[in-house]
Amino acid sequence: MAGKKKARTPGEKEARRLARLDRRDKRERELEPFQVELLKLQAHLENHGMKMIVLFEGRDAAGKGGTIRRVTRYMNEKHYRVVAMGRPTDDQRSQWYFQKYVGQFPSAGEMVLFDRSWYNRAMVEPVFGFCTVEEHRNFLRGVVGFEKDLVRQGTILVKLYFSVTKDEQLRRFKRRRNDPLRQWKLSEIDVQAQDLWDEFTTRKYEMLTRTHTSDTPWSIIRSQNKHLARLNAMRVILDAVDYEKRDPDLDFVPDPNVVVSGAHEIELMEAERIRNGEFSS
C-alpha cells in the first residue's frame, strides 16, 4: 500500500539507537567547557562571600528541569541548592507572600536555583485560580521593588524564561504520556496547559511588561532545541558574574537566535498582536 512505512530490521533499529546515543554524547560533551566555567563561577562566589539566585520560569515542558540538571551536574553540592516549591499551604497563605521564598535564599558563597519561583503568582496561580485577583495585583505592584532591594543589597539575580511553542509542548507531553520513564512528569495541570495556552500567553505578556527592568531584566530562552537552550542558559548565567580565570578561548556570547531580552520579547509579542489580532507565543 502506498505510503506504508517499511518495517525496520533489528539491525536497523539498533543502528538508529546507537546513532541517537552518539548524538546525545556529543551534545553533552559540548556542554562540558561551560560546566567547567560554572565551577569557576561557583568558586568565585564562595571565595568572595557572594550570593546568587537564578530563576527558571516558563511553561510546562519548556526545558527548565533538564537545564537545571546540566547546570548543576558537576557543581559542589555544599554551595548550591535547587528549590522547587508547590502551591502555598494555608499557613503560608496568611503570611507575606515572599516569606516562604526568602527562607530559601542563599547564604554567603551560595547559589540557589529556583525551579519556578515567586513568579508562580504571575502566571500559574492566577490561571488556575490558586490566588485571588487582588493577590495577583498586589504581587505585580510589589515584586519589582522587592527584587531591586535584593540586588541593591548585593545578591546577583538572573531571571530566565524558557519559551516553547504550543506544538512542541504538545509533542513533549505526548512523549511523556507514552514513555514509562517520563510518565511521572505528566500531571493533571500539564494536561490542561494546552487548553489554557492563550491565557498563559496573556499572563506572560503582563508579567514581562510589569517586571522586566534594567536592574532586574528577563532573558528569554527559546527552548525548541533543548541542547541549545541549555548551552545558552549557561552562557547567560556565566555572563552575570565577572569571575576569575575565565577561559579566553570560549565563546560566552549568547546566540541571538536562542536568547532575547525581555524588552525585545515584549516588542515581538506586540507586533504579533498587531499583525494577527492576538498573541500566539
C-alpha atoms as a PDB file:
ATOM      1  CA  MET A   1       0.000   0.000   0.000  1.00  0.00           C
ATOM      2  CA  ALA A   2       1.306   3.452  -0.946  1.00  0.00           C
ATOM      3  CA  GLY A   3       2.649   5.441   1.964  1.00  0.00           C
ATOM      4  CA  LYS A   4       3.089   2.431   4.258  1.00  0.00           C
ATOM      5  CA  LYS A   5       6.375   2.558   6.167  1.00  0.00           C
ATOM      6  CA  LYS A   6       8.809  -0.281   5.644  1.00  0.00           C
ATOM      7  CA  ALA A   7       9.398  -2.234   8.844  1.00  0.00           C
ATOM      8  CA  ARG A   8      12.925  -1.846  10.185  1.00  0.00           C
ATOM      9  CA  THR A   9      15.052  -4.902  10.834  1.00  0.00           C
ATOM     10  CA  PRO A  10      16.502  -5.468  14.330  1.00  0.00           C
ATOM     11  CA  GLY A  11      19.884  -4.408  12.955  1.00  0.00           C
ATOM     12  CA  GLU A  12      18.499  -1.135  11.605  1.00  0.00           C
ATOM     13  CA  LYS A  13      16.777  -0.397  14.902  1.00  0.00           C
ATOM     14  CA  GLU A  14      19.994  -0.993  16.825  1.00  0.00           C
ATOM     15  CA  ALA A  15      21.948   1.216  14.421  1.00  0.00           C
ATOM     16  CA  ARG A  16      19.443   4.041  14.926  1.00  0.00           C
ATOM     17  CA  ARG A  17      19.601   3.594  18.688  1.00  0.00           C
ATOM     18  CA  LEU A  18      23.391   3.789  18.689  1.00  0.00           C
ATOM     19  CA  ALA A  19      23.299   6.861  16.432  1.00  0.00           C
ATOM     20  CA  ARG A  20      20.947   8.602  18.878  1.00  0.00           C
ATOM     21  CA  LEU A  21      23.249   7.749  21.772  1.00  0.00           C
ATOM     22  CA  ASP A  22      26.239   9.083  19.838  1.00  0.00           C
ATOM     23  CA  ARG A  23      24.427  12.376  19.120  1.00  0.00           C
ATOM     24  CA  ARG A  24      23.437  12.649  22.777  1.00  0.00           C
ATOM     25  CA  ASP A  25      27.020  12.049  23.919  1.00  0.00           C
ATOM     26  CA  LYS A  26      28.270  14.699  21.508  1.00  0.00           C
ATOM     27  CA  ARG A  27      25.779  17.251  22.827  1.00  0.00           C
ATOM     28  CA  GLU A  28      26.741  16.502  26.427  1.00  0.00           C
ATOM     29  CA  ARG A  29      30.444  16.920  25.581  1.00  0.00           C
ATOM     30  CA  GLU A  30      29.692  20.333  24.055  1.00  0.00           C
ATOM     31  CA  LEU A  31      28.365  21.441  27.431  1.00  0.00           C
ATOM     32  CA  GLU A  32      31.452  20.387  29.384  1.00  0.00           C
ATOM     33  CA  PRO A  33      33.590  23.534  28.833  1.00  0.00           C
ATOM     34  CA  PHE A  34      30.712  25.652  30.169  1.00  0.00           C
ATOM     35  CA  GLN A  35      30.225  23.314  33.103  1.00  0.00           C
ATOM     36  CA  VAL A  36      33.913  23.841  33.933  1.00  0.00           C
ATOM     37  CA  GLU A  37      33.272  27.601  33.867  1.00  0.00           C
ATOM     38  CA  LEU A  38      30.294  27.149  36.182  1.00  0.00           C
ATOM     39  CA  LEU A  39      32.651  25.516  38.677  1.00  0.00           C
ATOM     40  CA  LYS A  40      34.919  28.572  38.441  1.00  0.00           C
ATOM     41  CA  LEU A  41      31.918  30.830  38.986  1.00  0.00           C
ATOM     42  CA  GLN A  42      30.884  28.770  41.996  1.00  0.00           C
ATOM     43  CA  ALA A  43      34.391  29.023  43.464  1.00  0.00           C
ATOM     44  CA  HIS A  44      34.326  32.792  42.910  1.00  0.00           C
ATOM     45  CA  LEU A  45      31.043  33.102  44.818  1.00  0.00           C
ATOM     46  CA  GLU A  46      32.481  31.068  47.673  1.00  0.00           C
ATOM     47  CA  ASN A  47      35.808  32.917  47.808  1.00  0.00           C
ATOM     48  CA  HIS A  48      34.153  36.341  47.837  1.00  0.00           C
ATOM     49  CA  GLY A  49      31.154  35.501  50.010  1.00  0.00           C
ATOM     50  CA  MET A  50      28.733  36.406  47.223  1.00  0.00           C
ATOM     51  CA  LYS A  51      25.092  35.323  46.866  1.00  0.00           C
ATOM     52  CA  MET A  52      23.409  34.341  43.613  1.00  0.00           C
ATOM     53  CA  ILE A  53      19.829  33.447  42.684  1.00  0.00           C
ATOM     54  CA  VAL A  54      18.800  32.020  39.305  1.00  0.00           C
ATOM     55  CA  LEU A  55      15.094  31.822  38.456  1.00  0.00           C
ATOM     56  CA  PHE A  56      13.879  29.217  35.953  1.00  0.00           C
ATOM     57  CA  GLU A  57      10.430  30.104  34.665  1.00  0.00           C
ATOM     58  CA  GLY A  58       8.363  29.098  31.664  1.00  0.00           C
ATOM     59  CA  ARG A  59       5.530  26.856  30.571  1.00  0.00           C
ATOM     60  CA  ASP A  60       5.334  23.190  31.449  1.00  0.00           C
ATOM     61  CA  ALA A  61       7.701  21.042  29.345  1.00  0.00           C
ATOM     62  CA  ALA A  62       9.724  24.110  28.318  1.00  0.00           C
ATOM     63  CA  GLY A  63      13.001  22.505  29.433  1.00  0.00           C
ATOM     64  CA  LYS A  64      13.625  24.077  32.837  1.00  0.00           C
ATOM     65  CA  GLY A  65      14.354  20.855  34.732  1.00  0.00           C
ATOM     66  CA  GLY A  66      16.748  19.438  32.163  1.00  0.00           C
ATOM     67  CA  THR A  67      18.691  22.704  32.083  1.00  0.00           C
ATOM     68  CA  ILE A  68      18.952  22.812  35.873  1.00  0.00           C
ATOM     69  CA  ARG A  69      20.338  19.271  35.880  1.00  0.00           C
ATOM     70  CA  ARG A  70      23.028  20.205  33.347  1.00  0.00           C
ATOM     71  CA  VAL A  71      23.923  23.437  35.136  1.00  0.00           C
ATOM     72  CA  THR A  72      24.408  21.675  38.473  1.00  0.00           C
ATOM     73  CA  ARG A  73      25.782  18.342  37.228  1.00  0.00           C
ATOM     74  CA  TYR A  74      29.371  18.879  38.413  1.00  0.00           C
ATOM     75  CA  MET A  75      28.840  21.607  40.989  1.00  0.00           C
ATOM     76  CA  ASN A  76      29.942  21.365  44.603  1.00  0.00           C
ATOM     77  CA  GLU A  77      26.767  20.281  46.388  1.00  0.00           C
ATOM     78  CA  LYS A  78      27.781  22.156  49.532  1.00  0.00           C
ATOM     79  CA  HIS A  79      27.416  25.502  47.811  1.00  0.00           C
ATOM     80  CA  TYR A  80      24.262  25.301  45.706  1.00  0.00           C
ATOM     81  CA  ARG A  81      20.634  24.338  46.213  1.00  0.00           C
ATOM     82  CA  VAL A  82      17.739  23.675  43.840  1.00  0.00           C
ATOM     83  CA  VAL A  83      14.428  24.867  45.254  1.00  0.00           C
ATOM     84  CA  ALA A  84      11.053  23.760  43.858  1.00  0.00           C
ATOM     85  CA  MET A  85       8.036  24.852  45.880  1.00  0.00           C
ATOM     86  CA  GLY A  86       4.395  23.891  45.417  1.00  0.00           C
ATOM     87  CA  ARG A  87       1.244  25.900  45.896  1.00  0.00           C
ATOM     88  CA  PRO A  88       1.071  27.775  49.229  1.00  0.00           C
ATOM     89  CA  THR A  89      -0.230  25.986  52.318  1.00  0.00           C
ATOM     90  CA  ASP A  90      -2.986  27.520  54.436  1.00  0.00           C
ATOM     91  CA  ASP A  91      -0.344  28.838  56.858  1.00  0.00           C
ATOM     92  CA  GLN A  92       1.675  30.342  54.009  1.00  0.00           C
ATOM     93  CA  ARG A  93      -1.432  31.981  52.573  1.00  0.00           C
ATOM     94  CA  SER A  94      -1.668  34.011  55.790  1.00  0.00           C
ATOM     95  CA  GLN A  95       1.964  35.161  55.544  1.00  0.00           C
ATOM     96  CA  TRP A  96       3.669  37.825  53.462  1.00  0.00           C
ATOM     97  CA  TYR A  97       3.777  36.197  50.021  1.00  0.00           C
ATOM     98  CA  PHE A  98       7.570  36.352  49.623  1.00  0.00           C
ATOM     99  CA  GLN A  99       8.228  34.919  53.082  1.00  0.00           C
ATOM    100  CA  LYS A 100       8.483  31.268  52.058  1.00  0.00           C
ATOM    101  CA  TYR A 101      10.915  32.185  49.269  1.00  0.00           C
ATOM    102  CA  VAL A 102      13.073  34.436  51.436  1.00  0.00           C
ATOM    103  CA  GLY A 103      13.525  31.467  53.768  1.00  0.00           C
ATOM    104  CA  GLN A 104      15.248  29.661  50.881  1.00  0.00           C
ATOM    105  CA  PHE A 105      17.583  32.492  49.873  1.00  0.00           C
ATOM    106  CA  PRO A 106      21.340  31.840  49.606  1.00  0.00           C
ATOM    107  CA  SER A 107      23.830  32.411  52.341  1.00  0.00           C
ATOM    108  CA  ALA A 108      27.267  33.884  51.589  1.00  0.00           C
ATOM    109  CA  GLY A 109      29.085  31.887  48.912  1.00  0.00           C
ATOM    110  CA  GLU A 110      25.976  30.024  47.782  1.00  0.00           C
ATOM    111  CA  MET A 111      23.893  29.793  44.606  1.00  0.00           C
ATOM    112  CA  VAL A 112      20.181  28.947  44.744  1.00  0.00           C
ATOM    113  CA  LEU A 113      18.328  27.856  41.618  1.00  0.00           C
ATOM    114  CA  PHE A 114      14.543  28.181  41.772  1.00  0.00           C
ATOM    115  CA  ASP A 115      12.663  25.668  39.616  1.00  0.00           C
ATOM    116  CA  ARG A 116       9.710  28.050  39.430  1.00  0.00           C
ATOM    117  CA  SER A 117       9.796  30.908  41.877  1.00  0.00           C
ATOM    118  CA  TRP A 118       7.705  33.719  43.276  1.00  0.00           C
ATOM    119  CA  TYR A 119       6.582  34.236  39.676  1.00  0.00           C
ATOM    120  CA  ASN A 120       4.110  31.418  40.252  1.00  0.00           C
ATOM    121  CA  ARG A 121       1.859  34.268  41.316  1.00  0.00           C
ATOM    122  CA  ALA A 122       2.305  35.987  37.952  1.00  0.00           C
ATOM    123  CA  MET A 123       1.270  33.021  35.783  1.00  0.00           C
ATOM    124  CA  VAL A 124       0.375  29.624  37.263  1.00  0.00           C
ATOM    125  CA  GLU A 125      -1.612  30.782  40.282  1.00  0.00           C
ATOM    126  CA  PRO A 126      -3.924  33.266  38.525  1.00  0.00           C
ATOM    127  CA  VAL A 127      -4.509  30.919  35.574  1.00  0.00           C
ATOM    128  CA  PHE A 128      -5.567  28.031  37.807  1.00  0.00           C
ATOM    129  CA  GLY A 129      -7.304  30.120  40.442  1.00  0.00           C
ATOM    130  CA  PHE A 130      -4.744  29.443  43.186  1.00  0.00           C
ATOM    131  CA  CYS A 131      -4.750  33.134  44.150  1.00  0.00           C
ATOM    132  CA  THR A 132      -7.290  35.946  44.146  1.00  0.00           C
ATOM    133  CA  VAL A 133      -7.367  38.819  41.681  1.00  0.00           C
ATOM    134  CA  GLU A 134      -6.250  41.142  44.475  1.00  0.00           C
ATOM    135  CA  GLU A 135      -3.335  38.869  45.444  1.00  0.00           C
ATOM    136  CA  HIS A 136      -2.184  38.790  41.836  1.00  0.00           C
ATOM    137  CA  ARG A 137      -2.500  42.568  41.528  1.00  0.00           C
ATOM    138  CA  ASN A 138      -0.567  43.153  44.752  1.00  0.00           C
ATOM    139  CA  PHE A 139       2.204  40.846  43.577  1.00  0.00           C
ATOM    140  CA  LEU A 140       2.724  42.803  40.361  1.00  0.00           C
ATOM    141  CA  ARG A 141       2.749  46.041  42.345  1.00  0.00           C
ATOM    142  CA  GLY A 142       5.389  44.855  44.792  1.00  0.00           C
ATOM    143  CA  VAL A 143       7.719  42.431  43.046  1.00  0.00           C
ATOM    144  CA  VAL A 144       9.888  44.994  41.229  1.00  0.00           C
ATOM    145  CA  GLY A 145      10.709  46.839  44.449  1.00  0.00           C
ATOM    146  CA  PHE A 146      11.341  43.529  46.208  1.00  0.00           C
ATOM    147  CA  GLU A 147      13.836  42.462  43.542  1.00  0.00           C
ATOM    148  CA  LYS A 148      15.541  45.859  43.359  1.00  0.00           C
ATOM    149  CA  ASP A 149      16.128  45.739  47.116  1.00  0.00           C
ATOM    150  CA  LEU A 150      17.554  42.254  46.741  1.00  0.00           C
ATOM    151  CA  VAL A 151      20.000  43.376  44.043  1.00  0.00           C
ATOM    152  CA  ARG A 152      20.865  46.607  45.844  1.00  0.00           C
ATOM    153  CA  GLN A 153      21.901  44.585  48.885  1.00  0.00           C
ATOM    154  CA  GLY A 154      24.341  42.561  46.792  1.00  0.00           C
ATOM    155  CA  THR A 155      22.517  39.456  45.588  1.00  0.00           C
ATOM    156  CA  ILE A 156      23.099  38.536  41.934  1.00  0.00           C
ATOM    157  CA  LEU A 157      19.711  37.824  40.348  1.00  0.00           C
ATOM    158  CA  VAL A 158      19.319  36.060  36.991  1.00  0.00           C
ATOM    159  CA  LYS A 159      15.798  35.643  35.603  1.00  0.00           C
ATOM    160  CA  LEU A 160      15.379  33.067  32.821  1.00  0.00           C
ATOM    161  CA  TYR A 161      12.104  32.439  30.985  1.00  0.00           C
ATOM    162  CA  PHE A 162      12.033  29.307  28.813  1.00  0.00           C
ATOM    163  CA  SER A 163       9.798  29.814  25.783  1.00  0.00           C
ATOM    164  CA  VAL A 164       8.423  26.834  23.852  1.00  0.00           C
ATOM    165  CA  THR A 165       5.826  26.708  21.057  1.00  0.00           C
ATOM    166  CA  LYS A 166       2.410  25.148  21.515  1.00  0.00           C
ATOM    167  CA  ASP A 167       3.135  22.363  19.011  1.00  0.00           C
ATOM    168  CA  GLU A 168       6.438  21.480  20.673  1.00  0.00           C
ATOM    169  CA  GLN A 169       4.845  21.469  24.124  1.00  0.00           C
ATOM    170  CA  LEU A 170       2.201  19.038  22.844  1.00  0.00           C
ATOM    171  CA  ARG A 171       4.879  16.794  21.321  1.00  0.00           C
ATOM    172  CA  ARG A 172       6.727  16.669  24.642  1.00  0.00           C
ATOM    173  CA  PHE A 173       3.512  15.925  26.550  1.00  0.00           C
ATOM    174  CA  LYS A 174       2.792  13.008  24.181  1.00  0.00           C
ATOM    175  CA  ARG A 175       6.295  11.683  24.724  1.00  0.00           C
ATOM    176  CA  ARG A 176       5.803  11.833  28.485  1.00  0.00           C
ATOM    177  CA  ARG A 177       2.485  10.020  28.207  1.00  0.00           C
ATOM    178  CA  ASN A 178       3.949   7.212  26.097  1.00  0.00           C
ATOM    179  CA  ASP A 179       7.320   6.797  27.814  1.00  0.00           C
ATOM    180  CA  PRO A 180       7.193   4.860  31.115  1.00  0.00           C
ATOM    181  CA  LEU A 181      10.402   6.601  32.217  1.00  0.00           C
ATOM    182  CA  ARG A 182       8.776  10.026  31.779  1.00  0.00           C
ATOM    183  CA  GLN A 183       5.157   9.416  32.757  1.00  0.00           C
ATOM    184  CA  TRP A 184       5.786  10.711  36.277  1.00  0.00           C
ATOM    185  CA  LYS A 185       6.417  14.145  34.764  1.00  0.00           C
ATOM    186  CA  LEU A 186       2.872  14.421  33.362  1.00  0.00           C
ATOM    187  CA  SER A 187       0.455  15.970  35.853  1.00  0.00           C
ATOM    188  CA  GLU A 188      -3.185  16.990  35.622  1.00  0.00           C
ATOM    189  CA  ILE A 189      -2.083  20.604  35.358  1.00  0.00           C
ATOM    190  CA  ASP A 190       0.135  19.674  32.400  1.00  0.00           C
ATOM    191  CA  VAL A 191      -2.867  18.146  30.640  1.00  0.00           C
ATOM    192  CA  GLN A 192      -4.726  21.461  30.969  1.00  0.00           C
ATOM    193  CA  ALA A 193      -1.802  23.571  29.771  1.00  0.00           C
ATOM    194  CA  GLN A 194      -2.677  23.242  26.091  1.00  0.00           C
ATOM    195  CA  ASP A 195      -6.301  24.284  26.625  1.00  0.00           C
ATOM    196  CA  LEU A 196      -5.151  27.273  28.676  1.00  0.00           C
ATOM    197  CA  TRP A 197      -2.395  28.276  26.245  1.00  0.00           C
ATOM    198  CA  ASP A 198      -3.860  31.680  25.369  1.00  0.00           C
ATOM    199  CA  GLU A 199      -4.439  32.630  28.997  1.00  0.00           C
ATOM    200  CA  PHE A 200      -0.849  31.697  29.873  1.00  0.00           C
ATOM    201  CA  THR A 201       0.344  33.835  26.956  1.00  0.00           C
ATOM    202  CA  THR A 202      -1.609  36.847  28.199  1.00  0.00           C
ATOM    203  CA  ARG A 203      -0.135  36.375  31.686  1.00  0.00           C
ATOM    204  CA  LYS A 204       3.350  36.055  30.207  1.00  0.00           C
ATOM    205  CA  TYR A 205       2.972  39.382  28.401  1.00  0.00           C
ATOM    206  CA  GLU A 206       1.647  41.073  31.523  1.00  0.00           C
ATOM    207  CA  MET A 207       4.483  39.636  33.611  1.00  0.00           C
ATOM    208  CA  LEU A 208       7.191  40.796  31.222  1.00  0.00           C
ATOM    209  CA  THR A 209       5.779  44.284  30.772  1.00  0.00           C
ATOM    210  CA  ARG A 210       5.472  44.786  34.537  1.00  0.00           C
ATOM    211  CA  THR A 211       8.663  43.089  35.775  1.00  0.00           C
ATOM    212  CA  HIS A 212      11.384  43.465  33.122  1.00  0.00           C
ATOM    213  CA  THR A 213      13.607  46.337  34.312  1.00  0.00           C
ATOM    214  CA  SER A 214      17.179  47.441  33.681  1.00  0.00           C
ATOM    215  CA  ASP A 215      18.094  46.370  37.231  1.00  0.00           C
ATOM    216  CA  THR A 216      16.253  43.027  37.125  1.00  0.00           C
ATOM    217  CA  PRO A 217      15.917  42.014  33.457  1.00  0.00           C
ATOM    218  CA  TRP A 218      14.423  38.871  31.971  1.00  0.00           C
ATOM    219  CA  SER A 219      16.351  36.706  29.494  1.00  0.00           C
ATOM    220  CA  ILE A 220      14.058  34.716  27.202  1.00  0.00           C
ATOM    221  CA  ILE A 221      15.449  31.308  26.209  1.00  0.00           C
ATOM    222  CA  ARG A 222      13.998  29.797  23.026  1.00  0.00           C
ATOM    223  CA  SER A 223      13.812  26.141  24.022  1.00  0.00           C
ATOM    224  CA  GLN A 224      12.633  24.384  20.861  1.00  0.00           C
ATOM    225  CA  ASN A 225      16.078  22.806  20.751  1.00  0.00           C
ATOM    226  CA  LYS A 226      16.786  21.626  24.297  1.00  0.00           C
ATOM    227  CA  HIS A 227      20.529  21.365  23.804  1.00  0.00           C
ATOM    228  CA  LEU A 228      20.903  24.928  22.513  1.00  0.00           C
ATOM    229  CA  ALA A 229      18.630  26.188  25.284  1.00  0.00           C
ATOM    230  CA  ARG A 230      20.820  24.537  27.919  1.00  0.00           C
ATOM    231  CA  LEU A 231      24.050  25.800  26.373  1.00  0.00           C
ATOM    232  CA  ASN A 232      22.829  29.373  26.085  1.00  0.00           C
ATOM    233  CA  ALA A 233      21.247  29.428  29.535  1.00  0.00           C
ATOM    234  CA  MET A 234      24.695  28.575  30.877  1.00  0.00           C
ATOM    235  CA  ARG A 235      26.146  31.494  28.913  1.00  0.00           C
ATOM    236  CA  VAL A 236      23.615  33.898  30.431  1.00  0.00           C
ATOM    237  CA  ILE A 237      24.383  32.655  33.954  1.00  0.00           C
ATOM    238  CA  LEU A 238      28.143  32.907  33.410  1.00  0.00           C
ATOM    239  CA  ASP A 239      27.841  36.424  31.984  1.00  0.00           C
ATOM    240  CA  ALA A 240      26.147  37.605  35.185  1.00  0.00           C
ATOM    241  CA  VAL A 241      29.375  37.359  37.219  1.00  0.00           C
ATOM    242  CA  ASP A 242      32.860  38.700  36.477  1.00  0.00           C
ATOM    243  CA  TYR A 243      34.656  35.670  37.926  1.00  0.00           C
ATOM    244  CA  GLU A 244      38.366  34.852  37.805  1.00  0.00           C
ATOM    245  CA  LYS A 245      40.203  32.606  35.329  1.00  0.00           C
ATOM    246  CA  ARG A 246      37.575  32.829  32.609  1.00  0.00           C
ATOM    247  CA  ASP A 247      38.580  30.770  29.561  1.00  0.00           C
ATOM    248  CA  PRO A 248      39.571  33.318  26.882  1.00  0.00           C
ATOM    249  CA  ASP A 249      39.014  30.794  24.080  1.00  0.00           C
ATOM    250  CA  LEU A 250      35.391  30.001  24.968  1.00  0.00           C
ATOM    251  CA  ASP A 251      32.506  31.799  23.287  1.00  0.00           C
ATOM    252  CA  PHE A 252      30.370  33.282  26.058  1.00  0.00           C
ATOM    253  CA  VAL A 253      28.092  35.342  23.808  1.00  0.00           C
ATOM    254  CA  PRO A 254      24.518  34.003  23.858  1.00  0.00           C
ATOM    255  CA  ASP A 255      23.156  33.031  20.453  1.00  0.00           C
ATOM    256  CA  PRO A 256      20.667  35.789  19.458  1.00  0.00           C
ATOM    257  CA  ASN A 257      18.521  33.120  17.786  1.00  0.00           C
ATOM    258  CA  VAL A 258      18.113  31.446  21.182  1.00  0.00           C
ATOM    259  CA  VAL A 259      18.324  34.249  23.751  1.00  0.00           C
ATOM    260  CA  VAL A 260      16.474  37.557  23.557  1.00  0.00           C
ATOM    261  CA  SER A 261      15.915  40.211  26.188  1.00  0.00           C
ATOM    262  CA  GLY A 262      12.585  40.578  27.912  1.00  0.00           C
ATOM    263  CA  ALA A 263      12.199  44.000  26.286  1.00  0.00           C
ATOM    264  CA  HIS A 264      12.651  42.538  22.805  1.00  0.00           C
ATOM    265  CA  GLU A 265      10.209  39.728  23.573  1.00  0.00           C
ATOM    266  CA  ILE A 266       7.600  42.331  24.532  1.00  0.00           C
ATOM    267  CA  GLU A 267       8.178  44.101  21.199  1.00  0.00           C
ATOM    268  CA  LEU A 268       7.821  40.816  19.287  1.00  0.00           C
ATOM    269  CA  MET A 269       4.606  39.926  21.117  1.00  0.00           C
ATOM    270  CA  GLU A 270       3.121  43.372  20.500  1.00  0.00           C
ATOM    271  CA  ALA A 271       3.999  43.198  16.789  1.00  0.00           C
ATOM    272  CA  GLU A 272       2.417  39.762  16.591  1.00  0.00           C
ATOM    273  CA  ARG A 273      -0.765  41.053  18.209  1.00  0.00           C
ATOM    274  CA  ILE A 274      -0.943  43.899  15.682  1.00  0.00           C
ATOM    275  CA  ARG A 275      -0.473  41.512  12.737  1.00  0.00           C
ATOM    276  CA  ASN A 276      -2.747  38.687  13.915  1.00  0.00           C
ATOM    277  CA  GLY A 277      -5.053  40.372  16.381  1.00  0.00           C
ATOM    278  CA  GLU A 278      -3.814  38.117  19.198  1.00  0.00           C
ATOM    279  CA  PHE A 279      -0.738  36.672  20.866  1.00  0.00           C
ATOM    280  CA  SER A 280       0.343  33.147  19.982  1.00  0.00           C
ATOM    281  CA  SER A 281       3.736  32.609  21.663  1.00  0.00           C
END
